[in-house]
Amino acid sequence: MTIYIDPPNAAGHGRLWSHLASDASYDELHAFAATLGIPQRGFDRDHYDVPSEWYDQVVAAGATPVSSREIVSRLIASGLRRRKGSP
């Protein structure tokens, strides 16, 4: 099981956000997020949006820090990437 998180560099709603993703399954991702209390509403197509103040806690819980490009590459390679507008 590997869960990945990128640095909080996506701006939105007056704060910075990280993206939390799995290259194995959405079930794995949802289970990991649930253990940390990350709300389901944070799930966006193929990842969770996580506020910057949660970053250290998520890494301490076992998420592997990677670049944003690495997350996208892993999602594409695993077939889990869902682009905007995809079903």
C-alpha atoms as a PDB file:
ATOM      1  CA  MET A   1       0.000   0.000   0.000  1.00  0.00           C
ATOM      2  CA  THR A   2       1.424   3.348  -1.021  1.00  0.00           C
ATOM      3  CA  ILE A   3      -0.352   6.634  -0.635  1.00  0.00           C
ATOM      4  CA  TYR A   4       1.251   9.753  -2.085  1.00  0.00           C
ATOM      5  CA  ILE A   5       0.996  13.430  -1.178  1.00  0.00           C
ATOM      6  CA  ASP A   6       2.428  16.410  -2.997  1.00  0.00           C
ATOM      7  CA  PRO A   7       3.551  19.692  -1.409  1.00  0.00           C
ATOM      8  CA  PRO A   8       0.802  22.186  -0.579  1.00  0.00           C
ATOM      9  CA  ASN A   9       1.130  24.354  -3.681  1.00  0.00           C
ATOM     10  CA  ALA A  10      -2.380  24.496  -5.142  1.00  0.00           C
ATOM     11  CA  ALA A  11      -4.143  27.722  -4.161  1.00  0.00           C
ATOM     12  CA  GLY A  12      -7.866  27.819  -3.561  1.00  0.00           C
ATOM     13  CA  HIS A  13     -10.377  29.292  -1.154  1.00  0.00           C
ATOM     14  CA  GLY A  14      -7.721  31.464   0.484  1.00  0.00           C
ATOM     15  CA  ARG A  15      -5.349  28.606   1.411  1.00  0.00           C
ATOM     16  CA  LEU A  16      -2.875  26.147  -0.069  1.00  0.00           C
ATOM     17  CA  TRP A  17      -3.731  22.512  -0.762  1.00  0.00           C
ATOM     18  CA  SER A  18      -1.946  19.203  -1.292  1.00  0.00           C
ATOM     19  CA  HIS A  19      -3.234  16.280  -3.318  1.00  0.00           C
ATOM     20  CA  LEU A  20      -3.468  12.819  -1.770  1.00  0.00           C
ATOM     21  CA  ALA A  21      -3.583   9.845  -4.137  1.00  0.00           C
ATOM     22  CA  SER A  22      -3.069   6.097  -4.456  1.00  0.00           C
ATOM     23  CA  ASP A  23      -1.634   4.237  -7.430  1.00  0.00           C
ATOM     24  CA  ALA A  24      -3.323   0.991  -6.325  1.00  0.00           C
ATOM     25  CA  SER A  25      -7.041   1.711  -5.812  1.00  0.00           C
ATOM     26  CA  TYR A  26      -9.616   4.264  -4.795  1.00  0.00           C
ATOM     27  CA  ASP A  27     -10.658   1.922  -1.963  1.00  0.00           C
ATOM     28  CA  GLU A  28      -7.143   2.122  -0.522  1.00  0.00           C
ATOM     29  CA  LEU A  29      -7.211   5.908  -0.825  1.00  0.00           C
ATOM     30  CA  HIS A  30     -10.637   6.245   0.819  1.00  0.00           C
ATOM     31  CA  ALA A  31      -9.608   3.943   3.685  1.00  0.00           C
ATOM     32  CA  PHE A  32      -6.438   5.949   4.349  1.00  0.00           C
ATOM     33  CA  ALA A  33      -8.326   9.248   4.241  1.00  0.00           C
ATOM     34  CA  ALA A  34     -10.985   7.909   6.617  1.00  0.00           C
ATOM     35  CA  THR A  35      -8.368   6.920   9.210  1.00  0.00           C
ATOM     36  CA  LEU A  36      -7.239  10.559   9.315  1.00  0.00           C
ATOM     37  CA  GLY A  37     -10.734  12.040   9.348  1.00  0.00           C
ATOM     38  CA  ILE A  38     -10.361  13.603   5.909  1.00  0.00           C
ATOM     39  CA  PRO A  39     -13.940  14.265   4.783  1.00  0.00           C
ATOM     40  CA  GLN A  40     -15.306  12.451   1.728  1.00  0.00           C
ATOM     41  CA  ARG A  41     -16.216  15.845   0.226  1.00  0.00           C
ATOM     42  CA  GLY A  42     -12.449  16.380  -0.212  1.00  0.00           C
ATOM     43  CA  PHE A  43     -12.349  13.660  -2.894  1.00  0.00           C
ATOM     44  CA  ASP A  44     -12.029  15.128  -6.383  1.00  0.00           C
ATOM     45  CA  ARG A  45     -12.165  12.571  -9.252  1.00  0.00           C
ATOM     46  CA  ASP A  46      -8.921  10.691  -8.429  1.00  0.00           C
ATOM     47  CA  HIS A  47      -7.425  12.379  -5.361  1.00  0.00           C
ATOM     48  CA  TYR A  48      -8.244  14.137  -2.114  1.00  0.00           C
ATOM     49  CA  ASP A  49      -7.597  17.832  -1.645  1.00  0.00           C
ATOM     50  CA  VAL A  50      -5.865  18.256   1.722  1.00  0.00           C
ATOM     51  CA  PRO A  51      -5.275  21.671   3.344  1.00  0.00           C
ATOM     52  CA  SER A  52      -1.646  22.630   4.003  1.00  0.00           C
ATOM     53  CA  GLU A  53      -2.071  22.499   7.758  1.00  0.00           C
ATOM     54  CA  TRP A  54      -2.753  18.734   7.504  1.00  0.00           C
ATOM     55  CA  TYR A  55       0.358  17.970   5.425  1.00  0.00           C
ATOM     56  CA  ASP A  56       2.684  16.964   8.300  1.00  0.00           C
ATOM     57  CA  GLN A  57       0.000  14.809   9.923  1.00  0.00           C
ATOM     58  CA  VAL A  58      -0.689  12.979   6.652  1.00  0.00           C
ATOM     59  CA  VAL A  59       3.019  12.316   6.072  1.00  0.00           C
ATOM     60  CA  ALA A  60       3.406  11.126   9.686  1.00  0.00           C
ATOM     61  CA  ALA A  61       0.519   8.698   9.079  1.00  0.00           C
ATOM     62  CA  GLY A  62       2.430   7.106   6.211  1.00  0.00           C
ATOM     63  CA  ALA A  63       1.840   9.079   3.017  1.00  0.00           C
ATOM     64  CA  THR A  64       4.918   9.316   0.797  1.00  0.00           C
ATOM     65  CA  PRO A  65       5.864  12.876  -0.200  1.00  0.00           C
ATOM     66  CA  VAL A  66       6.345  13.270  -3.970  1.00  0.00           C
ATOM     67  CA  SER A  67       6.070  16.051  -6.520  1.00  0.00           C
ATOM     68  CA  SER A  68       2.783  16.967  -8.155  1.00  0.00           C
ATOM     69  CA  ARG A  69       4.100  15.606 -11.462  1.00  0.00           C
ATOM     70  CA  GLU A  70       4.927  12.303  -9.789  1.00  0.00           C
ATOM     71  CA  ILE A  71       1.357  11.946  -8.526  1.00  0.00           C
ATOM     72  CA  VAL A  72      -0.030  12.556 -12.014  1.00  0.00           C
ATOM     73  CA  SER A  73       2.476  10.124 -13.554  1.00  0.00           C
ATOM     74  CA  ARG A  74       1.584   7.399 -11.061  1.00  0.00           C
ATOM     75  CA  LEU A  75      -2.148   7.912 -11.573  1.00  0.00           C
ATOM     76  CA  ILE A  76      -1.758   7.692 -15.352  1.00  0.00           C
ATOM     77  CA  ALA A  77       0.473   4.590 -15.161  1.00  0.00           C
ATOM     78  CA  SER A  78      -2.001   2.834 -12.856  1.00  0.00           C
ATOM     79  CA  GLY A  79      -5.036   3.709 -14.976  1.00  0.00           C
ATOM     80  CA  LEU A  80      -6.622   5.625 -12.078  1.00  0.00           C
ATOM     81  CA  ARG A  81      -6.275   9.119 -13.581  1.00  0.00           C
ATOM     82  CA  ARG A  82      -9.632  10.818 -14.122  1.00  0.00           C
ATOM     83  CA  ARG A  83      -9.378  14.084 -15.997  1.00  0.00           C
ATOM     84  CA  LYS A  84     -11.967  16.836 -15.708  1.00  0.00           C
ATOM     85  CA  GLY A  85     -14.980  15.998 -17.810  1.00  0.00           C
ATOM     86  CA  SER A  86     -14.347  12.215 -17.732  1.00  0.00           C
ATOM     87  CA  PRO A  87     -17.121   9.932 -16.562  1.00  0.00           C
END
